[in-house]
Protein backbone atom coordinates (compact mmCIF):
# COMPACT_ATOMS: atom_id res chain seq x y z
CA MET A 1 82.73 72.02 78.07
CA THR A 2 86.39 72.40 77.13
CA GLY A 3 86.04 71.41 73.61
CA PRO A 4 84.59 68.70 71.36
CA GLY A 5 87.41 66.23 72.25
CA ALA A 6 86.72 66.64 75.95
CA VAL A 7 84.00 63.95 76.24
CA ARG A 8 84.80 60.21 75.74
CA VAL A 9 81.76 57.96 75.17
CA GLY A 10 81.64 54.17 75.27
CA VAL A 11 79.15 51.34 75.39
CA ASP A 12 78.45 48.69 77.92
CA VAL A 13 78.61 45.31 76.14
CA HIS A 14 76.49 43.54 78.77
CA ASP A 15 76.96 39.73 78.56
CA TRP A 16 77.50 39.21 74.83
CA VAL A 17 81.30 39.72 75.16
CA LEU A 18 81.43 36.30 76.83
CA ARG A 19 78.40 34.68 75.16
CA SER A 20 79.39 35.25 71.70
CA GLY A 21 81.88 33.01 69.84
CA PRO A 22 85.45 34.26 69.26
CA ALA A 23 84.64 35.43 65.65
CA GLU A 24 81.54 37.18 66.46
CA ARG A 25 83.04 38.86 69.61
CA ARG A 26 85.94 40.22 67.47
CA ASP A 27 83.35 41.34 64.87
CA LEU A 28 81.10 43.13 67.37
CA LEU A 29 84.08 44.91 69.12
CA ASP A 30 85.34 46.00 65.74
CA HIS A 31 81.95 47.43 65.11
CA VAL A 32 82.19 49.42 68.31
CA ALA A 33 85.66 50.78 67.31
CA ASP A 34 84.52 51.60 63.69
CA ALA A 35 81.52 53.39 64.99
CA GLY A 36 83.84 55.84 66.72
CA LEU A 37 83.20 54.79 70.34
CA ASP A 38 85.97 55.18 72.75
CA HIS A 39 85.54 52.17 75.14
CA VAL A 40 83.52 49.19 76.20
CA GLY A 41 82.20 48.51 79.71
CA VAL A 42 81.76 45.24 81.46
CA GLY A 43 79.96 44.55 84.62
CA ASP A 44 80.69 42.17 87.53
CA HIS A 45 78.70 39.99 89.88
CA VAL A 46 79.44 36.70 91.65
CA SER A 47 75.80 35.46 92.25
CA PHE A 48 73.37 38.28 91.73
CA GLN A 49 69.63 38.03 92.37
CA GLY A 50 69.34 34.26 92.27
CA GLY A 51 72.77 33.42 90.69
CA GLY A 52 73.22 35.59 87.72
CA GLY A 53 76.35 37.58 86.73
CA PHE A 54 79.72 37.51 84.89
CA ASP A 55 83.18 37.92 86.33
CA GLY A 56 84.45 41.34 85.50
CA MET A 57 88.07 40.47 85.22
CA VAL A 58 87.26 37.52 82.90
CA SER A 59 85.01 39.69 80.72
CA ALA A 60 87.74 42.48 80.61
CA ALA A 61 90.24 39.85 79.46
CA ALA A 62 87.89 38.58 76.74
CA ALA A 63 87.41 42.10 75.44
CA LEU A 64 91.22 43.05 75.73
CA ALA A 65 92.12 39.91 73.91
CA ALA A 66 89.57 40.47 71.03
CA THR A 67 90.67 44.05 70.07
CA ASP A 68 93.45 46.42 70.64
CA ARG A 69 91.42 49.46 69.51
CA LEU A 70 89.34 50.09 72.60
CA ASP A 71 89.71 50.74 76.27
CA VAL A 72 87.85 48.49 78.68
CA TRP A 73 86.12 49.48 81.89
CA ILE A 74 85.06 47.11 84.63
CA ALA A 75 82.20 48.76 86.35
CA ILE A 76 81.41 48.23 88.94
CA TYR A 77 83.88 45.45 90.30
CA GLN A 78 82.83 43.89 93.63
CA ALA A 79 86.25 44.37 95.01
CA ALA A 80 84.96 43.86 98.65
CA LEU A 81 84.14 40.25 97.72
CA ARG A 82 87.76 39.40 96.74
CA HIS A 83 91.15 39.45 98.40
CA PRO A 84 93.31 42.37 97.25
CA LEU A 85 96.33 40.27 96.48
CA THR A 86 94.38 38.20 93.92
CA VAL A 87 92.90 41.58 92.48
CA ALA A 88 96.49 42.92 92.19
CA ARG A 89 97.57 39.84 90.29
CA GLN A 90 94.61 40.05 87.93
CA LEU A 91 95.41 43.78 87.29
CA SER A 92 99.10 42.92 86.58
CA SER A 93 98.00 40.25 84.18
CA LEU A 94 95.49 42.43 82.34
CA ALA A 95 98.10 45.26 82.19
CA GLU A 96 100.41 42.79 80.29
CA MET A 97 97.65 41.87 77.95
CA GLY A 98 96.39 45.42 77.16
CA PRO A 99 98.74 48.00 78.70
CA GLY A 100 97.00 51.27 79.35
CA ARG A 101 93.68 50.09 78.22
CA LEU A 102 91.85 49.10 81.49
CA VAL A 103 89.85 51.20 83.84
CA LEU A 104 88.81 49.56 87.15
CA GLY A 105 85.62 50.90 88.65
CA VAL A 106 84.91 49.71 92.27
CA GLY A 107 81.97 50.03 94.71
CA VAL A 108 80.48 48.51 97.70
CA GLY A 109 77.70 46.80 95.88
CA GLY A 110 75.08 45.41 98.25
CA GLU A 111 71.91 45.59 96.05
CA ASP A 112 71.72 41.83 96.71
CA ARG A 113 72.88 41.32 100.39
CA ARG A 114 72.79 37.55 99.80
CA GLU A 115 75.48 37.76 97.20
CA VAL A 116 77.70 39.52 99.71
CA SER A 117 76.96 37.19 102.69
CA ASN A 118 77.42 34.01 100.49
CA CYS A 119 80.91 35.21 99.64
CA GLY A 120 81.79 35.01 103.36
CA VAL A 121 81.49 38.84 103.88
CA ASP A 122 79.33 40.59 106.48
CA PRO A 123 77.33 43.13 104.37
CA ARG A 124 77.75 45.58 107.27
CA THR A 125 81.42 45.55 106.72
CA ARG A 126 81.75 45.88 102.96
CA GLY A 127 82.60 49.55 103.07
CA ARG A 128 85.56 49.22 105.52
CA ARG A 129 86.58 46.04 103.57
CA LEU A 130 86.73 47.90 100.37
CA ASP A 131 88.66 50.85 101.90
CA GLU A 132 91.31 48.41 103.21
CA CYS A 133 91.26 46.59 99.80
CA LEU A 134 92.08 49.80 98.05
CA GLU A 135 94.76 50.65 100.66
CA VAL A 136 96.40 47.16 100.06
CA LEU A 137 96.15 47.71 96.18
CA ALA A 138 97.83 50.98 96.30
CA ALA A 139 100.79 49.55 98.42
CA LEU A 140 101.13 46.56 96.01
CA GLY A 141 100.95 48.73 92.92
CA PRO A 142 104.81 49.61 92.63
CA GLY A 143 105.66 45.82 92.80
CA GLU A 144 107.67 46.08 96.10
CA PRO A 145 107.18 43.67 98.99
CA VAL A 146 104.40 44.63 101.36
CA ASP A 147 103.67 43.92 104.94
CA HIS A 148 100.17 44.68 106.11
CA GLU A 149 98.09 44.10 109.17
CA GLY A 150 94.64 45.30 109.08
CA GLU A 151 91.02 44.46 110.11
CA PHE A 152 90.40 42.14 107.20
CA PHE A 153 93.69 41.33 105.55
CA ARG A 154 97.13 40.31 106.63
CA LEU A 155 100.17 40.22 104.25
CA GLU A 156 103.80 39.37 104.90
CA GLN A 157 106.28 40.31 102.25
CA ALA A 158 103.69 40.07 99.58
CA ALA A 159 104.52 41.36 96.10
CA VAL A 160 102.97 41.25 92.58
CA VAL A 161 105.36 41.64 89.67
CA PRO A 162 105.54 42.94 87.04
CA ALA A 163 103.93 46.01 88.32
CA PRO A 164 101.26 47.28 85.94
CA GLN A 165 102.70 49.71 83.50
CA PRO A 166 100.97 52.08 83.41
CA PRO A 167 98.71 51.41 86.45
CA ALA A 168 94.99 51.01 85.79
CA PRO A 169 93.04 53.97 86.91
CA ILE A 170 90.79 53.01 89.86
CA VAL A 171 87.61 54.98 89.96
CA VAL A 172 85.03 54.76 92.82
CA GLY A 173 81.31 54.49 92.31
CA GLY A 174 78.48 55.51 94.64
CA THR A 175 76.93 58.83 95.84
CA SER A 176 77.16 58.44 99.56
CA GLU A 177 79.38 60.45 101.80
CA ALA A 178 81.49 57.37 102.38
CA ALA A 179 81.88 56.82 98.62
CA ILE A 180 82.97 60.42 97.93
CA GLU A 181 85.50 60.17 100.83
CA ARG A 182 86.77 56.78 99.34
CA ALA A 183 87.35 58.33 95.92
CA ALA A 184 89.08 61.41 97.42
CA ARG A 185 91.40 59.22 99.56
CA TYR A 186 92.12 56.32 97.35
CA GLY A 187 90.68 56.90 93.92
CA ASP A 188 91.79 58.18 90.54
CA GLY A 189 88.37 59.40 89.88
CA TRP A 190 84.73 59.08 90.53
CA LEU A 191 81.87 57.27 88.48
CA GLY A 192 78.25 58.11 88.98
CA ILE A 193 75.21 56.21 88.16
CA PHE A 194 71.51 56.89 88.95
CA CYS A 195 72.15 60.56 90.08
CA SER A 196 70.86 63.69 88.82
CA PRO A 197 72.99 66.35 87.02
CA ARG A 198 72.56 68.51 90.14
CA ARG A 199 73.80 65.69 92.38
CA PHE A 200 76.59 64.95 89.89
CA GLY A 201 77.81 68.54 90.12
CA VAL A 202 77.63 68.66 93.90
CA THR A 203 79.53 65.50 94.13
CA ALA A 204 82.24 66.65 91.77
CA ARG A 205 82.79 69.88 93.89
CA SER A 206 82.79 67.92 97.12
CA LEU A 207 85.23 65.38 95.67
CA ALA A 208 87.66 68.20 94.67
CA GLU A 209 87.56 69.69 98.08
CA ARG A 210 88.09 66.45 99.96
CA ALA A 211 90.84 65.29 97.61
CA ALA A 212 92.61 68.58 98.18
CA SER A 213 92.39 68.05 102.01
CA HIS A 214 94.34 64.78 101.47
CA GLY A 215 96.95 66.52 99.33
CA ARG A 216 95.57 64.85 96.19
CA GLU A 217 93.84 65.86 92.85
CA VAL A 218 91.02 63.57 91.53
CA GLY A 219 90.03 64.86 88.16
CA TRP A 220 88.55 61.83 86.39
CA LEU A 221 84.74 62.30 86.38
CA GLY A 222 82.40 59.66 84.75
CA MET A 223 78.85 58.87 84.41
CA GLN A 224 77.08 55.56 83.53
CA LEU A 225 73.50 55.83 82.10
CA TRP A 226 70.91 53.18 81.72
CA CYS A 227 68.71 54.01 78.75
CA GLY A 228 66.47 52.69 76.18
CA LEU A 229 67.59 53.43 72.62
CA ASP A 230 65.50 53.13 69.46
CA ASP A 231 64.24 55.34 66.64
CA ASP A 232 60.76 54.70 68.15
CA PRO A 233 60.70 56.34 71.64
CA ALA A 234 57.73 54.17 72.80
CA ARG A 235 59.70 50.98 71.84
CA ALA A 236 62.77 52.36 73.66
CA ARG A 237 60.74 52.98 76.72
CA GLU A 238 59.26 49.46 76.63
CA MET A 239 62.73 47.81 76.29
CA VAL A 240 64.36 49.70 79.03
CA ALA A 241 61.34 49.27 81.45
CA ASP A 242 61.57 45.46 81.04
CA ARG A 243 65.27 45.59 81.72
CA MET A 244 64.95 47.82 84.74
CA THR A 245 62.17 45.70 86.38
CA GLY A 246 64.17 42.53 85.71
CA LEU A 247 67.41 43.84 87.14
CA TYR A 248 66.22 45.85 90.08
CA GLY A 249 62.77 44.62 90.84
CA LEU A 250 61.30 48.18 90.63
CA PRO A 251 58.66 49.68 88.36
CA TYR A 252 60.25 51.82 85.69
CA ASP A 253 58.49 54.93 86.60
CA LYS A 254 60.50 54.98 89.87
CA LEU A 255 63.73 55.09 87.66
CA GLU A 256 62.55 56.96 84.60
CA HIS A 257 63.91 60.32 85.73
CA LEU A 258 67.44 58.78 85.90
CA ALA A 259 67.16 56.11 83.09
CA PRO A 260 65.82 57.82 79.96
CA ALA A 261 64.31 56.27 76.81
CA GLY A 262 64.16 57.64 73.42
CA THR A 263 66.07 58.32 70.14
CA PRO A 264 69.84 58.86 70.35
CA GLU A 265 69.28 62.65 70.10
CA GLN A 266 66.85 62.60 72.97
CA VAL A 267 69.25 60.66 75.16
CA ALA A 268 72.16 62.94 74.27
CA ASP A 269 69.97 65.89 75.27
CA PHE A 270 69.44 64.24 78.65
CA LEU A 271 73.14 63.64 79.03
CA MET A 272 74.27 67.18 78.25
CA PRO A 273 73.53 68.67 81.73
CA TYR A 274 75.94 65.94 83.09
CA VAL A 275 78.71 67.00 80.72
CA GLU A 276 78.04 70.59 81.75
CA ALA A 277 78.47 69.40 85.39
CA GLY A 278 81.88 67.96 84.49
CA ALA A 279 81.42 64.34 83.24
CA ARG A 280 84.05 63.62 80.74
CA HIS A 281 83.79 59.72 80.65
CA ILE A 282 80.46 58.33 79.72
CA THR A 283 79.25 54.80 79.34
CA VAL A 284 75.92 54.17 77.64
CA LEU A 285 74.24 51.22 79.18
CA GLY A 286 71.84 50.90 76.24
CA VAL A 287 68.90 48.58 75.90
CA ALA A 288 68.14 48.11 72.27
CA ARG A 289 66.69 45.62 69.90
CA ASP A 290 70.06 43.83 69.36
CA PRO A 291 73.77 44.36 70.17
CA ARG A 292 74.45 46.14 66.74
CA ALA A 293 71.64 48.49 67.09
CA GLY A 294 72.80 49.36 70.62
CA ILE A 295 76.26 50.20 69.35
CA ASP A 296 75.04 52.23 66.45
CA HIS A 297 72.63 54.22 68.69
CA ALA A 298 75.32 54.83 71.36
CA ALA A 299 77.66 56.13 68.57
CA GLU A 300 74.85 58.58 67.54
CA VAL A 301 74.58 59.72 71.12
CA ARG A 302 78.32 60.34 71.13
CA ARG A 303 78.09 62.35 67.88
CA HIS A 304 75.29 64.54 69.14
CA LEU A 305 77.16 65.18 72.37
CA ILE A 306 80.38 66.24 70.48
CA GLU A 307 78.44 68.37 68.00
CA ALA A 308 76.56 70.07 70.95
CA GLY A 309 79.90 70.73 72.64
CA ALA A 310 81.41 72.13 69.39
CA ALA A 311 78.45 74.48 69.12
């Protein structure tokens, strides 16, 4: 680590950022900020596993409007299911609402192939489609008119103004070779999930080498971690096991080595090897007995990480 200020830790707010009323939403987000956390994360799905999900841009707008004290991550946004001109407009609008407070995480998705195909996208093309989407977003970013003729998108003198100032960092998720190349070529950073500390370090080194080959430097490295959090480790395990089984349809013992359960100190200990491997932006996707408990436990994870770094 480079010092106690090097690591920024936030908490995923799951669905309560939309399901709460305005006053409760503001109160909960104030609680996140008062606890010392650095950001909140929101997810994105169109129609996941039978129809579930929340729109990431809408969730981000709700969070940005409810507080000016926190950054907001959208992770992971299903950009391959949208038209890049629409995405560019949404980013412009969010930049006006909360300038400098948005991070856009993108990935190919595909855990539910039906979600992809029902959006009119051939699941086999989603990687190429995402690459072209990122190419178009980069061209539209400065606000100048763009002509583009690609495999999936055609634009004629398309422009989105005002240009986001500052531009939202775009970070790429995924551990495949294609994802690492995508981050190196188009991204401002890389965001890991469900990978070991060793894999995280290998990916970070590969990303640096590939980015350099494109004449770029990509230094933003992040990690998202599903975990059960409670003062009782057995209860923490039970809660995260239920969530993992419901989300991914897999028994928890298949994911336990990448999605820990325990006290905040135990989860921080689990995270330290990622920090040592270069992770400087961490989102705790915590499963706890209620939102406030999850926020408080995530703040304790942050405190333990910073204290360990200072030591």
